[in-house]
C-alpha cells in the first residue's frame, strides 16, 4: 500500500505533462494596428513593383542585353518605394486618428512619407542618391496630395451643387436616354397636352367643314328635286 501511495503523485505529474505537451501552442500574433499598416502597404508595393518591373524590362531591352536583370532590379526598387511610402503614410495618419485630419495635414503626411520612401530608395542606389532621392520623392508626395485635394474639392462642390439625379449615367452625352426632374416631366406632359388639344381643334374644324358641305349638298339636291317656278 505504501508503494502505491508514493506512485500516485508521480503518475499524476506524468499525466499533466502529457496533457500540456498535447495542448496546441499559441503562436504570437501581430497587433491589429500593425496589420492594418503592413497589409495595404504590401499590396501597394506589389502594384508599384509590377509597374517598375514592366518599365525595367522595357529599359533593359533598349539599353542592355539583360532585360530580365533590369526588370528584377527595377521591380525590387519600386516595390520598396511603394511599400515604404504607403506604410509611412498610414503610420503618420494614425497620429491624427482621434482628431479630424485636415487637408493640409494630409499634404504634410504625404511629404513626410515621400521623404521616407526617397530615403530608402536613395540608400538602395548608393549614398550619393540619399539626399536627392529624399527631396525629390518628398516633393512628389506633397504635389500628388495637393492635386488630389483639388480634384476632391471640385468633385465635392459639383455633387453638392447638383441634385443626385443629375449624376446618373443616363445624363451622359453618350447615353440615348436622360433622367427627367419632376418639373421637366410636367413641362413635357403640358406640351404634349397642348399638341393634343391643337389636333382636336383641327379635327373639330374639319368636322364642321364636312357638316357644312353636307348641308350644302343636301340643300342643292332638294332644290334640284323640287324646282320652283317664277
C-alpha atoms as a PDB file:
ATOM      1  CA  UNK A   1       0.000   0.000   0.000  1.00  0.00           C
ATOM      2  CA  UNK A   2       2.817   2.376   0.750  1.00  0.00           C
ATOM      3  CA  UNK A   3       4.361   1.853  -2.635  1.00  0.00           C
ATOM      4  CA  UNK A   4       1.084   2.572  -4.416  1.00  0.00           C
ATOM      5  CA  UNK A   5       0.579   5.787  -2.461  1.00  0.00           C
ATOM      6  CA  UNK A   6       4.033   7.020  -3.397  1.00  0.00           C
ATOM      7  CA  UNK A   7       3.470   6.285  -7.080  1.00  0.00           C
ATOM      8  CA  UNK A   8       0.195   8.240  -7.369  1.00  0.00           C
ATOM      9  CA  UNK A   9       1.820  11.748  -7.437  1.00  0.00           C
ATOM     10  CA  UNK A  10       4.322  10.567  -9.994  1.00  0.00           C
ATOM     11  CA  UNK A  11       1.565   9.245 -12.253  1.00  0.00           C
ATOM     12  CA  UNK A  12      -0.440  12.459 -11.827  1.00  0.00           C
ATOM     13  CA  UNK A  13       2.575  14.545 -12.816  1.00  0.00           C
ATOM     14  CA  UNK A  14       3.176  12.367 -15.860  1.00  0.00           C
ATOM     15  CA  UNK A  15      -0.473  12.778 -16.955  1.00  0.00           C
ATOM     16  CA  UNK A  16      -0.261  16.578 -16.570  1.00  0.00           C
ATOM     17  CA  UNK A  17       2.953  16.705 -18.601  1.00  0.00           C
ATOM     18  CA  UNK A  18       1.394  14.618 -21.389  1.00  0.00           C
ATOM     19  CA  UNK A  19      -1.674  16.896 -21.466  1.00  0.00           C
ATOM     20  CA  UNK A  20       0.495  20.017 -21.641  1.00  0.00           C
ATOM     21  CA  UNK A  21       2.610  18.521 -24.422  1.00  0.00           C
ATOM     22  CA  UNK A  22      -0.509  17.689 -26.460  1.00  0.00           C
ATOM     23  CA  UNK A  23      -2.121  21.123 -25.976  1.00  0.00           C
ATOM     24  CA  UNK A  24      -1.815  23.351 -29.054  1.00  0.00           C
ATOM     25  CA  UNK A  25       0.803  26.043 -28.763  1.00  0.00           C
ATOM     26  CA  UNK A  26      -0.411  29.598 -29.318  1.00  0.00           C
ATOM     27  CA  UNK A  27       1.536  31.436 -31.917  1.00  0.00           C
ATOM     28  CA  UNK A  28       2.277  35.100 -31.230  1.00  0.00           C
ATOM     29  CA  UNK A  29       0.064  37.377 -33.288  1.00  0.00           C
ATOM     30  CA  UNK A  30       0.804  40.849 -34.572  1.00  0.00           C
ATOM     31  CA  UNK A  31      -1.353  43.681 -33.251  1.00  0.00           C
ATOM     32  CA  UNK A  32      -4.291  44.688 -35.425  1.00  0.00           C
ATOM     33  CA  UNK A  33      -2.819  48.158 -35.923  1.00  0.00           C
ATOM     34  CA  UNK A  34       0.397  46.735 -37.393  1.00  0.00           C
ATOM     35  CA  UNK A  35      -1.530  44.505 -39.804  1.00  0.00           C
ATOM     36  CA  UNK A  36      -3.684  47.499 -40.746  1.00  0.00           C
ATOM     37  CA  UNK A  37      -0.481  49.206 -41.903  1.00  0.00           C
ATOM     38  CA  UNK A  38       1.558  46.328 -43.322  1.00  0.00           C
ATOM     39  CA  UNK A  39      -1.025  44.549 -45.475  1.00  0.00           C
ATOM     40  CA  UNK A  40      -2.153  47.603 -47.515  1.00  0.00           C
ATOM     41  CA  UNK A  41       1.489  48.686 -47.827  1.00  0.00           C
ATOM     42  CA  UNK A  42       2.448  45.303 -49.266  1.00  0.00           C
ATOM     43  CA  UNK A  43      -0.474  45.498 -51.681  1.00  0.00           C
ATOM     44  CA  UNK A  44       0.602  48.939 -52.915  1.00  0.00           C
ATOM     45  CA  UNK A  45       4.179  47.697 -53.110  1.00  0.00           C
ATOM     46  CA  UNK A  46       3.067  44.790 -55.291  1.00  0.00           C
ATOM     47  CA  UNK A  47       1.374  47.190 -57.729  1.00  0.00           C
ATOM     48  CA  UNK A  48       4.340  49.553 -57.880  1.00  0.00           C
ATOM     49  CA  UNK A  49       6.749  46.642 -58.134  1.00  0.00           C
ATOM     50  CA  UNK A  50       4.848  45.208 -61.104  1.00  0.00           C
ATOM     51  CA  UNK A  51       4.879  48.610 -62.808  1.00  0.00           C
ATOM     52  CA  UNK A  52       8.592  49.001 -62.064  1.00  0.00           C
ATOM     53  CA  UNK A  53       9.348  45.538 -63.454  1.00  0.00           C
ATOM     54  CA  UNK A  54       7.490  46.369 -66.657  1.00  0.00           C
ATOM     55  CA  UNK A  55       9.366  49.655 -67.085  1.00  0.00           C
ATOM     56  CA  UNK A  56      12.645  47.972 -66.190  1.00  0.00           C
ATOM     57  CA  UNK A  57      12.097  45.242 -68.774  1.00  0.00           C
ATOM     58  CA  UNK A  58      11.424  47.857 -71.451  1.00  0.00           C
ATOM     59  CA  UNK A  59      14.513  49.833 -70.439  1.00  0.00           C
ATOM     60  CA  UNK A  60      16.569  46.644 -70.396  1.00  0.00           C
ATOM     61  CA  UNK A  61      15.540  45.824 -73.957  1.00  0.00           C
ATOM     62  CA  UNK A  62      16.513  49.314 -75.115  1.00  0.00           C
ATOM     63  CA  UNK A  63      19.727  49.821 -73.138  1.00  0.00           C
ATOM     64  CA  UNK A  64      21.113  46.363 -72.362  1.00  0.00           C
ATOM     65  CA  UNK A  65      21.189  42.722 -73.290  1.00  0.00           C
ATOM     66  CA  UNK A  66      19.905  41.690 -69.851  1.00  0.00           C
ATOM     67  CA  UNK A  67      16.265  42.852 -69.687  1.00  0.00           C
ATOM     68  CA  UNK A  68      15.437  40.268 -67.003  1.00  0.00           C
ATOM     69  CA  UNK A  69      18.061  41.721 -64.669  1.00  0.00           C
ATOM     70  CA  UNK A  70      16.818  45.248 -65.328  1.00  0.00           C
ATOM     71  CA  UNK A  71      13.226  44.176 -64.690  1.00  0.00           C
ATOM     72  CA  UNK A  72      14.153  42.415 -61.434  1.00  0.00           C
ATOM     73  CA  UNK A  73      16.185  45.340 -60.102  1.00  0.00           C
ATOM     74  CA  UNK A  74      13.570  47.920 -61.076  1.00  0.00           C
ATOM     75  CA  UNK A  75      10.737  45.823 -59.663  1.00  0.00           C
ATOM     76  CA  UNK A  76      12.512  45.435 -56.304  1.00  0.00           C
ATOM     77  CA  UNK A  77      13.306  49.141 -56.111  1.00  0.00           C
ATOM     78  CA  UNK A  78       9.759  50.229 -56.884  1.00  0.00           C
ATOM     79  CA  UNK A  79       8.332  47.593 -54.563  1.00  0.00           C
ATOM     80  CA  UNK A  80      10.461  49.056 -51.770  1.00  0.00           C
ATOM     81  CA  UNK A  81       9.446  52.614 -52.660  1.00  0.00           C
ATOM     82  CA  UNK A  82       5.729  51.837 -52.793  1.00  0.00           C
ATOM     83  CA  UNK A  83       5.716  49.773 -49.614  1.00  0.00           C
ATOM     84  CA  UNK A  84       7.756  52.326 -47.666  1.00  0.00           C
ATOM     85  CA  UNK A  85       5.645  55.258 -48.859  1.00  0.00           C
ATOM     86  CA  UNK A  86       2.289  53.680 -48.017  1.00  0.00           C
ATOM     87  CA  UNK A  87       3.440  52.227 -44.694  1.00  0.00           C
ATOM     88  CA  UNK A  88       4.931  55.591 -43.663  1.00  0.00           C
ATOM     89  CA  UNK A  89       1.821  57.458 -44.759  1.00  0.00           C
ATOM     90  CA  UNK A  90      -0.566  55.208 -42.848  1.00  0.00           C
ATOM     91  CA  UNK A  91       1.688  55.346 -39.783  1.00  0.00           C
ATOM     92  CA  UNK A  92       1.717  59.149 -39.823  1.00  0.00           C
ATOM     93  CA  UNK A  93      -2.025  59.259 -40.470  1.00  0.00           C
ATOM     94  CA  UNK A  94      -2.665  57.258 -37.302  1.00  0.00           C
ATOM     95  CA  UNK A  95      -1.249  60.187 -35.329  1.00  0.00           C
ATOM     96  CA  UNK A  96      -4.443  62.111 -36.232  1.00  0.00           C
ATOM     97  CA  UNK A  97      -6.762  59.152 -35.644  1.00  0.00           C
ATOM     98  CA  UNK A  98      -8.542  60.758 -32.664  1.00  0.00           C
ATOM     99  CA  UNK A  99      -8.842  64.169 -34.323  1.00  0.00           C
ATOM    100  CA  UNK A 100     -10.233  65.258 -37.629  1.00  0.00           C
ATOM    101  CA  UNK A 101      -7.353  65.454 -40.048  1.00  0.00           C
ATOM    102  CA  UNK A 102      -7.271  68.460 -42.358  1.00  0.00           C
ATOM    103  CA  UNK A 103      -6.186  68.546 -45.956  1.00  0.00           C
ATOM    104  CA  UNK A 104      -3.070  70.469 -45.017  1.00  0.00           C
ATOM    105  CA  UNK A 105      -2.193  67.675 -42.574  1.00  0.00           C
ATOM    106  CA  UNK A 106      -2.561  65.197 -45.441  1.00  0.00           C
ATOM    107  CA  UNK A 107      -0.105  67.237 -47.511  1.00  0.00           C
ATOM    108  CA  UNK A 108       2.391  67.204 -44.636  1.00  0.00           C
ATOM    109  CA  UNK A 109       1.902  63.466 -44.149  1.00  0.00           C
ATOM    110  CA  UNK A 110       2.414  62.741 -47.848  1.00  0.00           C
ATOM    111  CA  UNK A 111       5.504  64.982 -47.833  1.00  0.00           C
ATOM    112  CA  UNK A 112       6.992  63.051 -44.899  1.00  0.00           C
ATOM    113  CA  UNK A 113       6.057  59.674 -46.384  1.00  0.00           C
ATOM    114  CA  UNK A 114       7.616  60.665 -49.702  1.00  0.00           C
ATOM    115  CA  UNK A 115      10.782  61.717 -47.892  1.00  0.00           C
ATOM    116  CA  UNK A 116      10.931  58.368 -46.084  1.00  0.00           C
ATOM    117  CA  UNK A 117      10.482  56.374 -49.295  1.00  0.00           C
ATOM    118  CA  UNK A 118      13.026  58.569 -51.091  1.00  0.00           C
ATOM    119  CA  UNK A 119      15.491  57.996 -48.272  1.00  0.00           C
ATOM    120  CA  UNK A 120      15.138  54.224 -48.548  1.00  0.00           C
ATOM    121  CA  UNK A 121      15.176  54.275 -52.341  1.00  0.00           C
ATOM    122  CA  UNK A 122      18.231  56.509 -52.421  1.00  0.00           C
ATOM    123  CA  UNK A 123      20.021  54.237 -49.965  1.00  0.00           C
ATOM    124  CA  UNK A 124      19.420  51.301 -52.330  1.00  0.00           C
ATOM    125  CA  UNK A 125      21.114  53.172 -55.176  1.00  0.00           C
ATOM    126  CA  UNK A 126      24.093  54.462 -53.186  1.00  0.00           C
ATOM    127  CA  UNK A 127      25.000  57.096 -50.634  1.00  0.00           C
ATOM    128  CA  UNK A 128      25.096  59.984 -53.033  1.00  0.00           C
ATOM    129  CA  UNK A 129      21.455  59.383 -54.011  1.00  0.00           C
ATOM    130  CA  UNK A 130      20.017  59.613 -50.479  1.00  0.00           C
ATOM    131  CA  UNK A 131      19.587  63.402 -50.258  1.00  0.00           C
ATOM    132  CA  UNK A 132      18.366  63.926 -53.863  1.00  0.00           C
ATOM    133  CA  UNK A 133      16.007  60.961 -53.565  1.00  0.00           C
ATOM    134  CA  UNK A 134      14.614  62.224 -50.264  1.00  0.00           C
ATOM    135  CA  UNK A 135      13.946  65.705 -51.632  1.00  0.00           C
ATOM    136  CA  UNK A 136      12.545  64.508 -54.938  1.00  0.00           C
ATOM    137  CA  UNK A 137      10.103  61.972 -53.516  1.00  0.00           C
ATOM    138  CA  UNK A 138       9.053  64.339 -50.729  1.00  0.00           C
ATOM    139  CA  UNK A 139       8.075  66.903 -53.368  1.00  0.00           C
ATOM    140  CA  UNK A 140       6.354  64.194 -55.409  1.00  0.00           C
ATOM    141  CA  UNK A 141       4.306  63.101 -52.398  1.00  0.00           C
ATOM    142  CA  UNK A 142       3.244  66.633 -51.438  1.00  0.00           C
ATOM    143  CA  UNK A 143       2.437  67.626 -55.032  1.00  0.00           C
ATOM    144  CA  UNK A 144       0.373  64.497 -55.605  1.00  0.00           C
ATOM    145  CA  UNK A 145      -1.590  65.115 -52.403  1.00  0.00           C
ATOM    146  CA  UNK A 146      -2.267  68.752 -53.364  1.00  0.00           C
ATOM    147  CA  UNK A 147      -3.544  67.678 -56.793  1.00  0.00           C
ATOM    148  CA  UNK A 148      -5.734  65.022 -55.189  1.00  0.00           C
ATOM    149  CA  UNK A 149      -7.158  67.553 -52.714  1.00  0.00           C
ATOM    150  CA  UNK A 150      -8.004  69.972 -55.527  1.00  0.00           C
ATOM    151  CA  UNK A 151      -9.744  67.249 -57.519  1.00  0.00           C
ATOM    152  CA  UNK A 152     -11.624  66.085 -54.427  1.00  0.00           C
ATOM    153  CA  UNK A 153     -12.794  69.646 -53.679  1.00  0.00           C
ATOM    154  CA  UNK A 154     -14.023  70.117 -57.227  1.00  0.00           C
ATOM    155  CA  UNK A 155     -15.867  66.804 -57.135  1.00  0.00           C
ATOM    156  CA  UNK A 156     -17.458  67.625 -53.773  1.00  0.00           C
ATOM    157  CA  UNK A 157     -18.656  71.050 -54.989  1.00  0.00           C
ATOM    158  CA  UNK A 158     -20.183  69.593 -58.143  1.00  0.00           C
ATOM    159  CA  UNK A 159     -22.004  66.903 -56.159  1.00  0.00           C
ATOM    160  CA  UNK A 160     -23.438  69.354 -53.650  1.00  0.00           C
ATOM    161  CA  UNK A 161     -24.450  71.899 -56.291  1.00  0.00           C
ATOM    162  CA  UNK A 162     -26.393  69.459 -58.463  1.00  0.00           C
ATOM    163  CA  UNK A 163     -29.207  67.086 -57.492  1.00  0.00           C
ATOM    164  CA  UNK A 164     -28.399  63.430 -57.131  1.00  0.00           C
ATOM    165  CA  UNK A 165     -30.400  62.534 -60.243  1.00  0.00           C
ATOM    166  CA  UNK A 166     -28.124  64.648 -62.420  1.00  0.00           C
ATOM    167  CA  UNK A 167     -25.161  62.442 -61.540  1.00  0.00           C
ATOM    168  CA  UNK A 168     -26.787  59.434 -63.164  1.00  0.00           C
ATOM    169  CA  UNK A 169     -25.007  57.731 -66.036  1.00  0.00           C
ATOM    170  CA  UNK A 170     -28.159  58.307 -68.080  1.00  0.00           C
ATOM    171  CA  UNK A 171     -27.269  62.004 -68.251  1.00  0.00           C
ATOM    172  CA  UNK A 172     -24.055  61.254 -70.078  1.00  0.00           C
ATOM    173  CA  UNK A 173     -23.793  62.739 -73.532  1.00  0.00           C
ATOM    174  CA  UNK A 174     -23.240  59.220 -74.868  1.00  0.00           C
ATOM    175  CA  UNK A 175     -26.499  57.953 -73.402  1.00  0.00           C
ATOM    176  CA  UNK A 176     -29.616  57.997 -75.620  1.00  0.00           C
ATOM    177  CA  UNK A 177     -31.767  58.499 -72.505  1.00  0.00           C
ATOM    178  CA  UNK A 178     -31.999  61.199 -69.881  1.00  0.00           C
ATOM    179  CA  UNK A 179     -33.261  61.352 -66.323  1.00  0.00           C
ATOM    180  CA  UNK A 180     -36.031  63.985 -66.037  1.00  0.00           C
ATOM    181  CA  UNK A 181     -36.820  66.036 -62.982  1.00  0.00           C
ATOM    182  CA  UNK A 182     -40.426  66.462 -61.839  1.00  0.00           C
ATOM    183  CA  UNK A 183     -40.633  69.938 -63.401  1.00  0.00           C
ATOM    184  CA  UNK A 184     -39.180  68.752 -66.706  1.00  0.00           C
ATOM    185  CA  UNK A 185     -41.636  65.852 -66.785  1.00  0.00           C
ATOM    186  CA  UNK A 186     -44.539  68.191 -66.012  1.00  0.00           C
ATOM    187  CA  UNK A 187     -43.482  70.593 -68.784  1.00  0.00           C
ATOM    188  CA  UNK A 188     -43.189  67.702 -71.236  1.00  0.00           C
ATOM    189  CA  UNK A 189     -46.717  66.500 -70.385  1.00  0.00           C
ATOM    190  CA  UNK A 190     -48.052  70.040 -70.727  1.00  0.00           C
ATOM    191  CA  UNK A 191     -46.505  70.368 -74.192  1.00  0.00           C
ATOM    192  CA  UNK A 192     -47.975  67.039 -75.264  1.00  0.00           C
ATOM    193  CA  UNK A 193     -51.388  68.086 -73.922  1.00  0.00           C
ATOM    194  CA  UNK A 194     -51.235  71.329 -75.887  1.00  0.00           C
ATOM    195  CA  UNK A 195     -50.386  69.350 -79.029  1.00  0.00           C
ATOM    196  CA  UNK A 196     -53.326  67.021 -78.458  1.00  0.00           C
ATOM    197  CA  UNK A 197     -55.660  69.966 -77.922  1.00  0.00           C
ATOM    198  CA  UNK A 198     -54.449  71.582 -81.151  1.00  0.00           C
ATOM    199  CA  UNK A 199     -55.077  68.355 -83.074  1.00  0.00           C
ATOM    200  CA  UNK A 200     -58.573  68.100 -81.551  1.00  0.00           C
ATOM    201  CA  UNK A 201     -59.304  71.692 -82.620  1.00  0.00           C
ATOM    202  CA  UNK A 202     -58.188  70.908 -86.178  1.00  0.00           C
ATOM    203  CA  UNK A 203     -60.391  67.817 -86.214  1.00  0.00           C
ATOM    204  CA  UNK A 204     -63.354  69.880 -84.978  1.00  0.00           C
ATOM    205  CA  UNK A 205     -62.806  72.374 -87.760  1.00  0.00           C
ATOM    206  CA  UNK A 206     -62.620  69.576 -90.322  1.00  0.00           C
ATOM    207  CA  UNK A 207     -65.850  68.049 -88.958  1.00  0.00           C
ATOM    208  CA  UNK A 208     -67.608  71.417 -89.080  1.00  0.00           C
ATOM    209  CA  UNK A 209     -66.450  71.917 -92.662  1.00  0.00           C
ATOM    210  CA  UNK A 210     -67.693  68.470 -93.657  1.00  0.00           C
ATOM    211  CA  UNK A 211     -71.027  69.086 -91.975  1.00  0.00           C
ATOM    212  CA  UNK A 212     -71.401  72.430 -93.734  1.00  0.00           C
ATOM    213  CA  UNK A 213     -70.529  70.781 -97.048  1.00  0.00           C
ATOM    214  CA  UNK A 214     -73.022  68.005 -96.344  1.00  0.00           C
ATOM    215  CA  UNK A 215     -75.746  70.505 -95.548  1.00  0.00           C
ATOM    216  CA  UNK A 216     -74.991  72.451 -98.715  1.00  0.00           C
ATOM    217  CA  UNK A 217     -75.144  69.311-100.798  1.00  0.00           C
ATOM    218  CA  UNK A 218     -78.442  68.311 -99.189  1.00  0.00           C
ATOM    219  CA  UNK A 219     -79.975  71.723 -99.918  1.00  0.00           C
ATOM    220  CA  UNK A 220     -78.755  71.584-103.508  1.00  0.00           C
ATOM    221  CA  UNK A 221     -80.213  68.164-104.007  1.00  0.00           C
ATOM    222  CA  UNK A 222     -83.544  69.330-102.559  1.00  0.00           C
ATOM    223  CA  UNK A 223     -83.623  72.267-104.933  1.00  0.00           C
ATOM    224  CA  UNK A 224     -82.912  70.032-107.881  1.00  0.00           C
ATOM    225  CA  UNK A 225     -85.626  67.573-106.801  1.00  0.00           C
ATOM    226  CA  UNK A 226     -88.245  70.320-106.258  1.00  0.00           C
ATOM    227  CA  UNK A 227     -87.605  73.093-108.798  1.00  0.00           C
ATOM    228  CA  UNK A 228     -89.582  76.314-108.266  1.00  0.00           C
ATOM    229  CA  UNK A 229     -91.166  78.441-110.997  1.00  0.00           C
ATOM    230  CA  UNK A 230     -91.373  82.191-111.119  1.00  0.00           C
END
